Amino acid sequence: MRLLLVDYDGVNRYTVSKALQRVGYMVTEADSAEAALEQYAKGDFDLILSEITLPGISGIELLQRFKNQSNDAIVILMTDEVTVEEAIQALRCGATDLLIKPYSSEDIRESVERGIESARSLRRRRRLLDTIERNVTELAREVSIATVDSGEDEFNSGAAPRRAGTALPGNVISLGSLAILPGKYQIAVGDNAISLTPTEFDLLLYLAANRNRVATCQELVREVRGYQTDEVEAREVIRPHVSNLRRKLRGLGEIDLIVNVRGVGYCLGEIPEGG
């Protein structure tokens, strides 16, 4: 994992860098916001750790610039002291964490570990979204070809083509009547929307991306939760998330959308059209 450490104080920068390098992180250092932006443009960093008080551009403004370049940027801010207003501003701008001195090396490592896990979750979610978009685009193409081959002339009849799945503007994924809203962690049918937890959301995305097969509980824990476990424990971990997701889907009228294949795992059932 590659980290970008931004701090004008050479002693503090050295101490934090060594604490992170000792546990295996690759750390690139910058002594100003300008140097950090230059380094960020050159490399692919998993996380940025920045002091708020910097010469010239402040750490909070630097955070905003990173977020403007990539909304998925994971940024942890450090400071000697902070007002309530500054803390609120930092969090509103998208800071993953705010470390206030005195903090220990362990505090830094734990904060970075949480940030890295967030980065991994974002990457998993992005891969799932890409897979879903590819799948629904291919499905829409196949439906279109089948419609032409069957001799149906939807253009002349004035009817809009009915597609089994499509990617909608604004990064919204449509699967039949079900809309998946990545930016809001929501699912919707028509005007009715329900919020999901990140785990429920990633679980639905993974099942949707692999809707032509059954996913084992062990696979779901690995891909959705991000760690390995045996199948017995995996069932216990994933079952409550599936139960809650099913309940929320039923609230939108999508009855029995998630199918339990006993002794194997879960898959996505047929999604009703319309809505």
Protein backbone atom coordinates (compact mmCIF):
# COMPACT_ATOMS: atom_id res chain seq x y z
CA MET A 1 0.00 0.00 0.00
CA ARG A 2 1.35 3.41 -1.02
CA LEU A 3 0.83 6.39 1.29
CA LEU A 4 1.49 10.10 0.75
CA LEU A 5 2.56 11.87 3.96
CA VAL A 6 2.31 15.68 4.00
CA ASP A 7 3.87 17.60 6.92
CA TYR A 8 6.09 20.71 7.02
CA ASP A 9 7.64 19.57 10.34
CA GLY A 10 10.59 17.37 9.38
CA VAL A 11 10.83 15.66 12.77
CA ASN A 12 7.15 14.75 12.91
CA ARG A 13 7.21 13.70 9.26
CA TYR A 14 10.17 11.39 9.90
CA THR A 15 8.55 9.87 13.02
CA VAL A 16 5.20 9.18 11.34
CA SER A 17 6.87 7.87 8.18
CA LYS A 18 9.04 5.41 10.09
CA ALA A 19 6.09 4.20 12.19
CA LEU A 20 4.22 3.35 8.98
CA GLN A 21 7.21 1.90 7.12
CA ARG A 22 7.88 -0.47 10.03
CA VAL A 23 4.53 -2.20 9.38
CA GLY A 24 5.09 -2.46 5.64
CA TYR A 25 3.65 0.70 4.05
CA MET A 26 5.47 2.49 1.24
CA VAL A 27 5.57 6.16 2.24
CA THR A 28 6.25 9.14 -0.04
CA GLU A 29 6.90 12.39 1.85
CA ALA A 30 6.02 15.99 1.00
CA ASP A 31 6.76 19.11 3.07
CA SER A 32 4.05 21.32 1.56
CA ALA A 33 0.66 21.14 -0.15
CA GLU A 34 2.23 22.16 -3.45
CA ALA A 35 4.79 19.34 -3.24
CA ALA A 36 2.01 16.93 -2.28
CA LEU A 37 -0.08 17.86 -5.32
CA GLU A 38 2.96 17.34 -7.53
CA GLN A 39 3.63 13.90 -6.02
CA TYR A 40 -0.07 12.96 -6.24
CA ALA A 41 -0.06 13.74 -9.97
CA LYS A 42 2.90 11.40 -10.49
CA GLY A 43 1.84 8.39 -8.43
CA ASP A 44 -1.08 6.16 -7.53
CA PHE A 45 -1.59 6.50 -3.78
CA ASP A 46 -3.96 4.44 -1.64
CA LEU A 47 -4.17 7.04 1.14
CA ILE A 48 -3.04 10.58 2.02
CA LEU A 49 -2.03 11.56 5.55
CA SER A 50 -1.75 15.35 5.90
CA GLU A 51 -1.09 17.95 8.59
CA ILE A 52 -3.77 20.67 8.62
CA THR A 53 -1.32 23.51 9.32
CA LEU A 54 0.83 23.85 6.21
CA PRO A 55 2.65 26.83 4.67
CA GLY A 56 0.55 28.36 1.90
CA ILE A 57 -2.32 26.00 1.10
CA SER A 58 -3.87 24.55 4.26
CA GLY A 59 -4.46 20.86 4.84
CA ILE A 60 -8.23 21.33 4.53
CA GLU A 61 -7.88 23.12 1.18
CA LEU A 62 -5.49 20.37 0.10
CA LEU A 63 -8.14 17.83 1.07
CA GLN A 64 -10.66 19.64 -1.14
CA ARG A 65 -8.24 19.59 -4.08
CA PHE A 66 -7.63 15.87 -3.70
CA LYS A 67 -11.39 15.27 -3.57
CA ASN A 68 -11.89 17.40 -6.68
CA GLN A 69 -9.40 15.20 -8.52
CA SER A 70 -10.83 11.95 -7.16
CA ASN A 71 -13.92 11.71 -4.98
CA ASP A 72 -12.64 8.32 -3.79
CA ALA A 73 -9.44 9.81 -2.33
CA ILE A 74 -8.89 8.65 1.26
CA VAL A 75 -7.46 11.53 3.33
CA ILE A 76 -6.58 11.53 7.04
CA LEU A 77 -5.84 14.91 8.63
CA MET A 78 -3.47 15.55 11.58
CA THR A 79 -3.27 18.63 13.78
CA ASP A 80 -1.94 19.99 17.10
CA GLU A 81 -5.28 21.56 17.92
CA VAL A 82 -8.53 22.14 16.09
CA THR A 83 -11.66 24.21 16.61
CA VAL A 84 -15.10 22.67 16.38
CA GLU A 85 -15.68 24.63 13.15
CA GLU A 86 -12.46 23.28 11.60
CA ALA A 87 -13.32 19.72 12.59
CA ILE A 88 -16.79 20.03 11.06
CA GLN A 89 -15.34 21.57 7.90
CA ALA A 90 -12.78 18.77 7.58
CA LEU A 91 -15.42 16.07 7.89
CA ARG A 92 -17.80 17.86 5.53
CA CYS A 93 -15.01 18.08 2.96
CA GLY A 94 -14.59 14.32 3.13
CA ALA A 95 -11.79 13.65 5.61
CA THR A 96 -11.73 9.96 6.52
CA ASP A 97 -10.34 10.67 10.00
CA LEU A 98 -8.97 13.53 12.11
CA LEU A 99 -6.00 12.84 14.41
CA ILE A 100 -5.35 15.39 17.18
CA LYS A 101 -2.00 15.44 19.02
CA PRO A 102 -0.79 13.89 21.16
CA TYR A 103 -1.36 10.67 19.24
CA SER A 104 0.72 7.50 19.37
CA SER A 105 2.20 5.46 16.55
CA GLU A 106 -0.51 2.90 17.25
CA ASP A 107 -3.20 5.57 16.80
CA ILE A 108 -1.72 6.47 13.42
CA ARG A 109 -1.48 2.85 12.29
CA GLU A 110 -5.05 2.08 13.35
CA SER A 111 -6.37 5.16 11.55
CA VAL A 112 -4.44 4.25 8.39
CA GLU A 113 -5.70 0.64 8.56
CA ARG A 114 -9.30 1.87 8.71
CA GLY A 115 -8.62 4.20 5.80
CA ILE A 116 -7.03 1.42 3.74
CA GLU A 117 -10.07 -0.79 4.37
CA SER A 118 -12.30 2.03 3.13
CA ALA A 119 -10.13 2.30 0.01
CA ARG A 120 -10.45 -1.45 -0.60
CA SER A 121 -14.23 -1.26 -0.19
CA LEU A 122 -14.42 1.58 -2.71
CA ARG A 123 -12.34 -0.40 -5.21
CA ARG A 124 -14.50 -3.51 -4.74
CA ARG A 125 -17.65 -1.41 -5.22
CA ARG A 126 -16.23 0.23 -8.35
CA ARG A 127 -15.35 -3.19 -9.83
CA LEU A 128 -18.85 -4.44 -9.10
CA LEU A 129 -20.42 -1.39 -10.73
CA ASP A 130 -18.23 -1.83 -13.81
CA THR A 131 -19.19 -5.49 -14.04
CA ILE A 132 -22.90 -4.72 -13.70
CA GLU A 133 -22.73 -2.04 -16.37
CA ARG A 134 -20.97 -4.43 -18.75
CA ASN A 135 -23.51 -7.18 -18.01
CA VAL A 136 -26.61 -5.03 -18.47
CA THR A 137 -25.21 -3.43 -21.63
CA GLU A 138 -24.58 -6.87 -23.10
CA LEU A 139 -28.02 -8.04 -21.98
CA ALA A 140 -29.65 -5.00 -23.56
CA ARG A 141 -27.78 -5.71 -26.81
CA GLU A 142 -28.93 -9.33 -26.81
CA VAL A 143 -32.54 -8.29 -26.16
CA SER A 144 -32.33 -5.77 -29.00
CA ILE A 145 -30.98 -8.41 -31.40
CA ALA A 146 -33.66 -10.89 -30.31
CA THR A 147 -36.35 -8.26 -30.89
CA VAL A 148 -35.12 -7.60 -34.43
CA ASP A 149 -34.84 -11.31 -35.20
CA SER A 150 -38.41 -11.92 -34.00
CA GLY A 151 -39.72 -9.40 -36.51
CA GLU A 152 -41.09 -6.96 -33.93
CA ASP A 153 -41.03 -3.40 -35.27
CA GLU A 154 -41.11 -1.29 -32.10
CA PHE A 155 -40.10 1.85 -33.97
CA ASN A 156 -43.07 1.70 -36.34
CA SER A 157 -45.49 0.78 -33.58
CA GLY A 158 -44.39 3.81 -31.52
CA ALA A 159 -43.52 1.63 -28.53
CA ALA A 160 -40.26 2.25 -26.68
CA PRO A 161 -37.86 -0.73 -26.64
CA ARG A 162 -38.23 -2.72 -23.43
CA ARG A 163 -34.84 -3.54 -22.01
CA ALA A 164 -34.02 -6.04 -19.31
CA GLY A 165 -31.34 -3.84 -17.79
CA THR A 166 -29.52 -0.61 -18.47
CA ALA A 167 -27.13 1.92 -17.01
CA LEU A 168 -28.94 5.19 -16.41
CA PRO A 169 -27.43 8.71 -16.37
CA GLY A 170 -25.82 9.84 -13.12
CA ASN A 171 -24.22 6.43 -12.45
CA VAL A 172 -27.59 4.86 -11.61
CA ILE A 173 -27.92 1.16 -12.45
CA SER A 174 -31.32 -0.11 -13.59
CA LEU A 175 -32.16 -3.81 -13.30
CA GLY A 176 -35.71 -4.20 -14.51
CA SER A 177 -37.86 -2.04 -12.29
CA LEU A 178 -35.15 -1.86 -9.63
CA ALA A 179 -32.83 1.18 -9.64
CA ILE A 180 -29.50 1.01 -7.76
CA LEU A 181 -28.14 4.42 -6.69
CA PRO A 182 -24.42 4.04 -5.87
CA GLY A 183 -23.86 7.60 -4.68
CA LYS A 184 -26.68 7.37 -2.15
CA TYR A 185 -26.46 3.71 -1.04
CA GLN A 186 -30.11 3.40 -2.03
CA ILE A 187 -32.35 1.18 -4.10
CA ALA A 188 -35.61 2.38 -5.61
CA VAL A 189 -38.66 1.26 -7.52
CA GLY A 190 -40.46 4.19 -9.08
CA ASP A 191 -40.66 6.97 -6.51
CA ASN A 192 -40.08 4.64 -3.54
CA ALA A 193 -36.50 4.50 -2.27
CA ILE A 194 -34.87 2.63 0.64
CA SER A 195 -31.39 3.17 2.09
CA LEU A 196 -28.98 0.25 2.49
CA THR A 197 -25.97 -0.23 4.73
CA PRO A 198 -22.62 -0.40 2.84
CA THR A 199 -22.52 -4.18 3.37
CA GLU A 200 -26.09 -4.67 2.11
CA PHE A 201 -25.34 -2.43 -0.86
CA ASP A 202 -22.13 -4.29 -1.79
CA LEU A 203 -23.90 -7.62 -1.33
CA LEU A 204 -26.64 -6.64 -3.77
CA LEU A 205 -24.07 -5.33 -6.25
CA TYR A 206 -22.06 -8.55 -6.10
CA LEU A 207 -25.13 -10.74 -6.61
CA ALA A 208 -26.24 -8.50 -9.48
CA ALA A 209 -22.79 -8.64 -11.09
CA ASN A 210 -22.85 -12.45 -10.86
CA ARG A 211 -26.56 -13.01 -11.42
CA ASN A 212 -26.09 -16.02 -13.69
CA ARG A 213 -24.63 -18.22 -10.96
CA VAL A 214 -24.82 -19.07 -7.26
CA ALA A 215 -22.30 -17.36 -4.96
CA THR A 216 -21.19 -19.29 -1.88
CA CYS A 217 -21.31 -17.65 1.54
CA GLN A 218 -17.51 -17.92 1.79
CA GLU A 219 -17.19 -16.09 -1.54
CA LEU A 220 -19.62 -13.38 -0.44
CA VAL A 221 -17.72 -12.73 2.80
CA ARG A 222 -14.43 -12.56 0.89
CA GLU A 223 -15.70 -10.22 -1.85
CA VAL A 224 -18.13 -8.10 0.17
CA ARG A 225 -16.57 -7.99 3.63
CA GLY A 226 -12.96 -8.28 2.48
CA TYR A 227 -11.59 -11.20 4.53
CA GLN A 228 -11.29 -14.98 4.38
CA THR A 229 -13.24 -17.37 6.59
CA ASP A 230 -14.50 -20.94 6.46
CA GLU A 231 -17.92 -21.71 5.00
CA VAL A 232 -19.59 -22.40 8.38
CA GLU A 233 -18.57 -19.05 9.84
CA ALA A 234 -19.30 -17.36 6.51
CA ARG A 235 -22.94 -18.48 6.67
CA GLU A 236 -23.30 -16.92 10.11
CA VAL A 237 -21.65 -13.69 8.95
CA ILE A 238 -23.62 -13.24 5.73
CA ARG A 239 -27.07 -14.54 6.80
CA PRO A 240 -28.21 -11.42 8.77
CA HIS A 241 -27.12 -9.12 5.93
CA VAL A 242 -29.08 -11.19 3.42
CA SER A 243 -32.09 -11.20 5.75
CA ASN A 244 -32.04 -7.41 6.15
CA LEU A 245 -31.54 -6.90 2.40
CA ARG A 246 -34.47 -9.20 1.63
CA ARG A 247 -36.69 -7.29 4.05
CA LYS A 248 -35.81 -3.98 2.41
CA LEU A 249 -36.36 -5.37 -1.08
CA ARG A 250 -39.78 -6.65 -0.02
CA GLY A 251 -40.57 -3.13 1.10
CA LEU A 252 -40.22 -2.13 -2.55
CA GLY A 253 -42.33 -5.03 -3.80
CA GLU A 254 -39.36 -7.11 -5.04
CA ILE A 255 -40.56 -10.33 -3.36
CA ASP A 256 -38.09 -13.24 -3.21
CA LEU A 257 -35.51 -11.42 -5.30
CA ILE A 258 -32.63 -13.13 -3.46
CA VAL A 259 -32.75 -16.91 -3.85
CA ASN A 260 -31.23 -19.20 -1.22
CA VAL A 261 -29.79 -22.33 -2.80
CA ARG A 262 -29.68 -24.58 0.24
CA GLY A 263 -26.24 -25.86 1.09
CA VAL A 264 -24.61 -23.76 -1.63
CA GLY A 265 -25.25 -20.02 -1.26
CA TYR A 266 -27.28 -17.21 -2.82
CA CYS A 267 -28.12 -15.85 -6.22
CA LEU A 268 -30.31 -13.13 -7.68
CA GLY A 269 -33.72 -14.21 -8.96
CA GLU A 270 -35.74 -12.73 -11.79
CA ILE A 271 -36.27 -8.99 -11.52
CA PRO A 272 -39.77 -7.80 -12.49
CA GLU A 273 -40.01 -5.27 -15.31
CA GLY A 274 -42.08 -2.11 -15.15
CA GLY A 275 -42.42 0.32 -12.26
